[in-house]
Structures are given as structure tokens and as C-alpha cells.
Protein backbone atom coordinates (compact mmCIF):
# COMPACT_ATOMS: atom_id res chain seq x y z
CA MET A 1 81.91 166.77 129.51
CA MET A 2 85.39 165.56 128.46
CA ALA A 3 85.90 163.94 131.89
CA VAL A 4 82.49 162.18 131.61
CA SER A 5 83.50 160.83 128.18
CA VAL A 6 86.74 159.55 129.39
CA LEU A 7 85.01 157.84 132.34
CA PHE A 8 82.40 156.26 130.09
CA ALA A 9 85.07 154.76 127.73
CA ALA A 10 87.04 153.41 130.66
CA CYS A 11 84.02 151.61 131.76
CA VAL A 12 83.36 149.80 128.47
CA GLU A 13 85.21 146.57 128.04
CA ASP A 14 87.30 146.43 124.82
CA LYS A 15 85.96 143.83 122.39
CA VAL A 16 88.49 141.15 121.45
CA TYR A 17 88.91 140.84 117.69
CA GLU A 18 87.36 137.63 116.25
CA GLY A 19 88.27 136.23 112.98
CA PRO A 20 89.52 133.09 111.31
CA SER A 21 92.53 131.03 112.22
CA THR A 22 95.56 130.93 109.87
CA ILE A 23 96.95 127.63 108.74
CA ASP A 24 100.70 128.16 108.79
CA ALA A 25 101.81 124.65 107.69
CA VAL A 26 100.58 121.19 106.80
CA THR A 27 103.33 118.64 106.84
CA THR A 28 103.68 114.81 106.75
CA ASN A 29 106.12 112.54 108.61
CA ILE A 30 107.22 110.66 105.48
CA ALA A 31 108.14 112.21 102.11
CA SER A 32 107.72 108.97 100.11
CA PRO A 33 105.37 106.54 101.79
CA THR A 34 105.19 102.82 100.81
CA SER A 35 102.11 100.72 101.08
CA ASP A 36 103.25 99.67 104.61
CA ASP A 37 103.27 103.23 105.85
CA ALA A 38 100.63 105.12 107.83
CA VAL A 39 101.15 108.95 107.10
CA ILE A 40 100.90 111.32 110.00
CA VAL A 41 99.72 114.81 108.90
CA THR A 42 100.55 117.69 111.18
CA ALA A 43 98.74 121.09 110.94
CA GLN A 44 100.02 124.22 112.69
CA PHE A 45 97.82 127.24 113.27
CA SER A 46 97.92 130.82 114.45
CA GLY A 47 95.27 133.46 115.46
CA LEU A 48 93.70 134.97 118.49
CA GLN A 49 91.07 132.19 118.83
CA ALA A 50 92.21 128.57 119.43
CA PRO A 51 91.32 125.75 117.08
CA GLU A 52 88.10 123.96 118.37
CA THR A 53 87.76 121.20 115.79
CA VAL A 54 90.22 120.21 113.09
CA THR A 55 89.44 117.72 110.41
CA LEU A 56 91.77 115.88 107.88
CA THR A 57 89.97 114.97 104.72
CA TYR A 58 91.59 112.60 102.32
CA THR A 59 90.67 110.87 99.05
CA ALA A 60 92.22 107.60 97.92
CA ASN A 61 90.95 105.27 95.01
CA GLY A 62 87.78 107.42 94.66
CA SER A 63 86.82 107.18 98.34
CA LYS A 64 86.72 110.32 100.63
CA GLN A 65 87.39 109.91 104.31
CA ASP A 66 87.28 112.41 107.17
CA VAL A 67 89.65 111.96 110.17
CA GLN A 68 89.11 113.97 113.25
CA MET A 69 92.53 115.36 114.20
CA THR A 70 93.80 115.62 117.76
CA GLY A 71 96.08 118.15 119.40
CA SER A 72 96.60 120.96 121.83
CA GLY A 73 97.31 124.59 121.28
CA ASN A 74 98.08 125.32 117.67
CA THR A 75 99.43 121.89 116.60
CA TRP A 76 97.14 119.09 115.57
CA THR A 77 97.72 115.70 113.92
CA GLY A 78 95.72 113.03 112.06
CA VAL A 79 96.59 109.81 110.42
CA ILE A 80 96.09 108.41 106.88
CA PRO A 81 96.18 104.66 106.92
CA PRO A 82 98.54 102.63 104.66
CA GLN A 83 97.21 102.66 100.91
CA PRO A 84 98.09 100.25 98.00
CA ASP A 85 101.05 100.77 95.91
CA LYS A 86 100.69 103.52 93.22
CA THR A 87 97.68 105.16 94.99
CA THR A 88 97.47 108.98 94.63
CA VAL A 89 96.22 110.40 98.02
CA LYS A 90 94.80 113.93 98.05
CA TYR A 91 94.20 115.64 101.38
CA PHE A 92 93.40 118.96 103.00
CA VAL A 93 92.71 120.23 106.47
CA THR A 94 89.67 122.16 107.84
CA VAL A 95 89.86 124.08 111.09
CA VAL A 96 87.01 125.61 113.04
CA ASN A 97 88.10 127.87 115.88
CA THR A 98 86.31 128.94 119.05
CA ALA A 99 84.82 131.91 117.34
CA LYS A 100 83.22 129.55 114.84
CA PHE A 101 85.27 130.80 111.94
CA THR A 102 86.26 128.04 109.36
CA THR A 103 89.47 127.89 107.47
CA VAL A 104 90.43 125.31 104.73
CA SER A 105 93.98 124.61 103.65
CA LYS A 106 94.99 124.06 100.02
CA GLU A 107 94.74 120.45 98.71
CA LEU A 108 97.95 118.48 98.91
CA GLU A 109 98.85 115.08 97.61
CA TYR A 110 101.30 112.14 97.60
CA VAL A 111 101.76 108.95 95.60
CA VAL A 112 102.33 105.72 97.38
CA GLY A 113 105.46 103.93 95.96
CA ASP A 114 106.83 100.66 96.86
CA PRO A 115 110.45 99.96 95.97
CA PRO A 116 110.88 97.16 93.30
CA ILE A 117 110.62 93.77 94.90
CA GLU A 118 113.98 91.88 94.44
CA TYR A 119 112.65 88.41 94.57
CA ASP A 120 115.98 87.18 93.21
CA LYS A 121 117.46 88.04 96.66
CA LEU A 122 115.33 85.37 98.28
CA LYS A 123 117.22 82.20 99.16
CA LEU A 124 116.53 78.95 101.01
CA ASN A 125 118.50 79.32 104.14
CA GLU A 126 117.88 76.52 106.64
CA LEU A 127 115.96 73.16 106.51
CA PHE A 128 115.14 71.06 109.59
CA GLY A 129 113.54 67.65 109.23
CA ALA A 130 114.79 65.88 112.36
CA ALA A 131 112.37 67.27 114.88
CA ASP A 132 110.59 64.76 117.06
CA THR A 133 107.20 65.89 115.81
CA ASP A 134 106.09 67.31 112.32
CA ALA A 135 105.14 70.52 114.07
CA GLY A 136 108.84 71.27 114.86
CA LYS A 137 110.06 70.88 111.29
CA PHE A 138 110.75 73.94 109.24
CA ILE A 139 112.00 75.57 105.95
CA GLU A 140 113.55 78.88 106.36
CA ILE A 141 113.87 81.65 103.74
CA TYR A 142 116.52 84.45 103.71
CA ASN A 143 116.16 88.00 102.35
CA GLY A 144 119.54 89.31 100.99
CA SER A 145 118.12 92.66 99.89
CA ASN A 146 118.25 95.92 101.52
CA ASN A 147 114.45 96.25 101.70
CA PRO A 148 111.65 94.14 103.29
CA ILE A 149 110.15 91.58 100.78
CA LYS A 150 106.52 90.63 100.89
CA LEU A 151 106.03 86.88 100.52
CA LYS A 152 102.62 86.97 99.06
CA ASP A 153 102.46 84.33 96.31
CA VAL A 154 106.01 83.19 96.90
CA VAL A 155 105.98 79.30 96.52
CA LEU A 156 107.74 76.46 98.19
CA LYS A 157 107.81 73.14 96.43
CA LYS A 158 108.89 69.85 97.80
CA ASP A 159 109.69 66.93 95.46
CA GLY A 160 108.14 68.84 92.63
CA LYS A 161 104.74 69.54 94.29
CA GLU A 162 103.61 72.95 95.83
CA THR A 163 103.66 72.71 99.61
CA TRP A 164 103.32 76.38 100.75
CA ILE A 165 102.36 79.74 99.31
CA GLY A 166 102.86 83.09 100.95
CA ILE A 167 99.92 85.34 101.92
CA ASP A 168 99.33 89.00 102.69
CA GLY A 169 101.13 90.11 105.81
CA GLU A 170 104.03 87.68 105.58
CA VAL A 171 107.10 89.99 105.06
CA ILE A 172 110.80 89.19 105.59
CA PRO A 173 112.84 92.16 106.78
CA ALA A 174 115.91 93.28 104.95
CA HIS A 175 118.80 90.73 105.70
CA GLY A 176 116.38 88.79 107.81
CA VAL A 177 114.71 85.49 107.76
CA TRP A 178 111.23 83.90 107.62
CA ALA A 179 110.71 80.45 108.94
CA VAL A 180 107.77 78.22 107.66
CA ILE A 181 107.37 75.99 110.66
CA GLY A 182 105.30 72.78 110.71
CA ALA A 183 105.13 69.80 108.28
CA LYS A 184 102.05 67.95 107.07
CA GLY A 185 99.69 70.84 107.87
CA THR A 186 100.33 70.50 111.61
CA THR A 187 100.52 74.36 112.13
CA GLU A 188 98.35 77.07 110.58
CA ARG A 189 101.01 78.51 108.25
CA GLY A 190 103.31 75.51 107.94
CA PHE A 191 103.91 73.46 104.78
CA SER A 192 101.54 70.69 103.64
CA SER A 193 104.11 67.98 102.83
CA GLY A 194 106.27 65.81 105.11
CA PHE A 195 109.97 66.33 105.55
CA SER A 196 112.43 63.64 106.45
CA ALA A 197 116.14 64.02 107.62
CA LYS A 198 116.95 60.51 106.20
CA LYS A 199 115.48 60.54 102.67
CA SER A 200 116.43 62.11 99.32
CA VAL A 201 114.62 65.34 98.79
CA LEU A 202 114.17 68.33 96.64
CA VAL A 203 113.02 71.74 97.94
CA GLU A 204 112.44 74.56 95.52
CA LEU A 205 111.75 78.26 96.07
CA LEU A 206 109.92 80.22 93.43
CA ASP A 207 108.83 83.88 92.84
CA PRO A 208 105.26 84.68 92.13
CA ASN A 209 105.76 84.30 88.44
CA GLY A 210 106.99 80.71 88.86
CA ASN A 211 110.67 81.56 88.38
CA LEU A 212 113.09 79.25 90.27
CA LEU A 213 114.91 81.35 92.89
CA ASP A 214 116.74 78.68 94.82
CA LYS A 215 116.71 74.90 95.60
CA PHE A 216 118.00 72.36 98.17
CA GLN A 217 118.76 68.92 96.80
CA ARG A 218 119.85 65.90 98.78
CA GLY A 219 120.56 62.71 96.92
CA GLU A 220 119.01 61.97 93.56
CA GLU A 221 115.44 61.65 92.25
CA ALA A 222 116.03 58.12 90.77
CA ASP A 223 112.57 56.40 90.75
CA GLY A 224 111.07 59.14 92.89
CA TRP A 225 112.13 61.73 95.53
CA GLY A 226 112.01 60.33 98.94
CA ASN A 227 112.47 56.78 97.87
CA GLN A 228 116.21 56.64 98.53
CA SER A 229 117.48 56.33 102.03
CA GLN A 230 120.17 58.75 103.30
CA THR A 231 122.17 59.18 106.50
CA ASN A 232 119.94 60.36 109.31
CA VAL A 233 120.90 63.97 110.04
CA LYS A 234 120.05 65.14 113.56
CA GLY A 235 120.53 68.87 113.00
CA SER A 236 119.68 71.44 110.45
CA TRP A 237 120.97 72.03 106.99
CA SER A 238 122.09 75.70 107.11
CA ARG A 239 123.72 78.00 104.58
CA ILE A 240 126.93 79.46 106.15
CA PRO A 241 127.09 82.36 105.74
CA ASP A 242 123.28 83.11 105.52
CA GLY A 243 121.68 83.21 102.11
CA SER A 244 124.99 82.48 100.07
CA GLY A 245 127.29 79.81 101.63
CA ASN A 246 127.32 76.13 101.36
CA TRP A 247 125.02 73.83 103.17
CA MET A 248 126.40 72.76 106.58
CA ILE A 249 124.90 70.69 109.35
CA THR A 250 124.26 72.89 112.50
CA ASP A 251 121.90 73.06 115.48
CA PRO A 252 118.56 74.37 114.39
CA THR A 253 117.94 78.18 114.58
CA ALA A 254 114.38 78.61 113.35
CA GLY A 255 113.58 82.30 112.64
CA THR A 256 117.05 83.68 113.51
CA LEU A 257 120.30 84.00 111.44
CA ASN A 258 122.37 80.75 111.19
CA ALA A 259 125.37 79.58 113.21
CA LYS A 260 128.79 80.66 111.98
CA THR A 261 130.23 77.19 111.70
CA GLY A 262 128.91 73.62 110.90
CA GLU A 263 129.74 70.12 109.61
CA PRO A 264 129.80 69.47 105.95
CA ASP A 265 127.26 66.97 104.34
CA GLU A 266 128.48 65.36 101.18
CA THR A 267 124.92 64.04 100.33
CA VAL A 268 123.81 67.62 99.69
CA VAL A 269 124.26 69.08 96.17
CA GLN A 270 126.11 72.36 96.69
């Protein structure tokens, strides 16, 4: 009888234990995201059954969204897209394994925080009015801060009139430049006024609150800007060094940092 029992037990296949997966960790790639950052959420699991579907659920500004995470083995990832500054984002992960058991992580959260915008670090950096066509003329802005600066609602004025205003998506990198290319509306994101290399001119840069950040002045207003003839300059007026130095005449360098040397121009107010 004992021999028969042993033989019967040997013929019965052991049943594999089935149960829920364990969520070992849920982490993000960025500790303090800004409004420009997509956040990658990584979930790690353990258990005898592999994950079959993994869902990242997040709530931002009252809206709940589900993201199907992707992965292989026990590591899966999903992405929360960039959110506006000061948004509180709450999120959790749900895993269903191949045995159809469901496990839900605890809810986590982060707050989107942009660094203060140092508009006072924006300076006029290069102006070129000697191009053969209006489409080749430009006004360049320099960012002297250690962070990118969004140009939305930053204003350029020429001769006292608004000629360009920044929009969403226009951002100057830290210690980089942004060239507004094209006069008289000849390009989609150029400036609306003309720009001459042989006339008196006043170009002003203002922050979104209307505060003057910097100006370029050649000649005097007298009975109106642009009414006084000046020497025809063939090159650009460039700050040397970028963002802080005197205006010098150089070859044009739209969208890149300025030359290291140039010729002085006594008609420009320094």
C-alpha cells in the first residue's frame, strides 16, 4: 500500500503557487521636475508570475489619465508629460500578472516647480540691418543666467513702437542666444518694423511687465527716430563680450555667440 501511494504522488504534477505580484519600487527619473520636463516613472516587481499589464495612473489639475506602461521582465516604465508650473501631480501603478492577480502601489506625488525667471539677465546682443533683403536682418537676445528663459511676452520695441513679442515655445538656453530674424514681417517670427544700417535708431528690450531690460541707441531722436542719416554700417553691431560688452562692428553671427573682436562705432551710445 505504501509503494502504491508513493507511485501515485509521483505521478501527480506539483501545482505552481499562484498569487499577486509584489511592487518593490516606484521611482522617477527627475526629483524636481520643471514645466519643461516629462517624468519617466519606473516600476519594479517580483513574484512567481510575470506582469501582464501595468498601468500608470496620474491626476493633474483635476484630470485623471491612464498610461499603459511598457517593459520586459520585472521592470516597466511609463511617462507623465510636462505639466504647468506649480501643478501637483499624484500617481500610482497597477499591475495585473499572468495569474490575473492585481496589485496597486501606494499613491505618490510631486509638485512641478520652475526656477524664478531672471528676466534682468536678458540683454540685446547683436543687431544686423545691412542685409541685402529684409528677411536677412535680425535682432539677437542673450541670456546671461544659468537657466533657460522662456521668451513668452518678452517685447522688442523699435523707435518706441512694439515690433515683436515672444510666444510659447521660444526659449533661450542658459548663456545662449535667440535671434529674431526678418524685418517688416518677411518671416513668420521676425519683427514687424524695418531696420536700417544707415539711420538713427532706438531698439528696446522689455520684460513681460513692461520693465526696460536693455536698449540699443544709435544717434539721437531729434524730430523722430530714423530721420537722421548715419554712416552706412556693413556689418553687425555686436556686444563684445556677449551680453555685457560695448557695441562693436563685426561680421554677422545670427543665432550663435559673437566674435571676440570688432571695430568701434562712435555713433552708438554705449
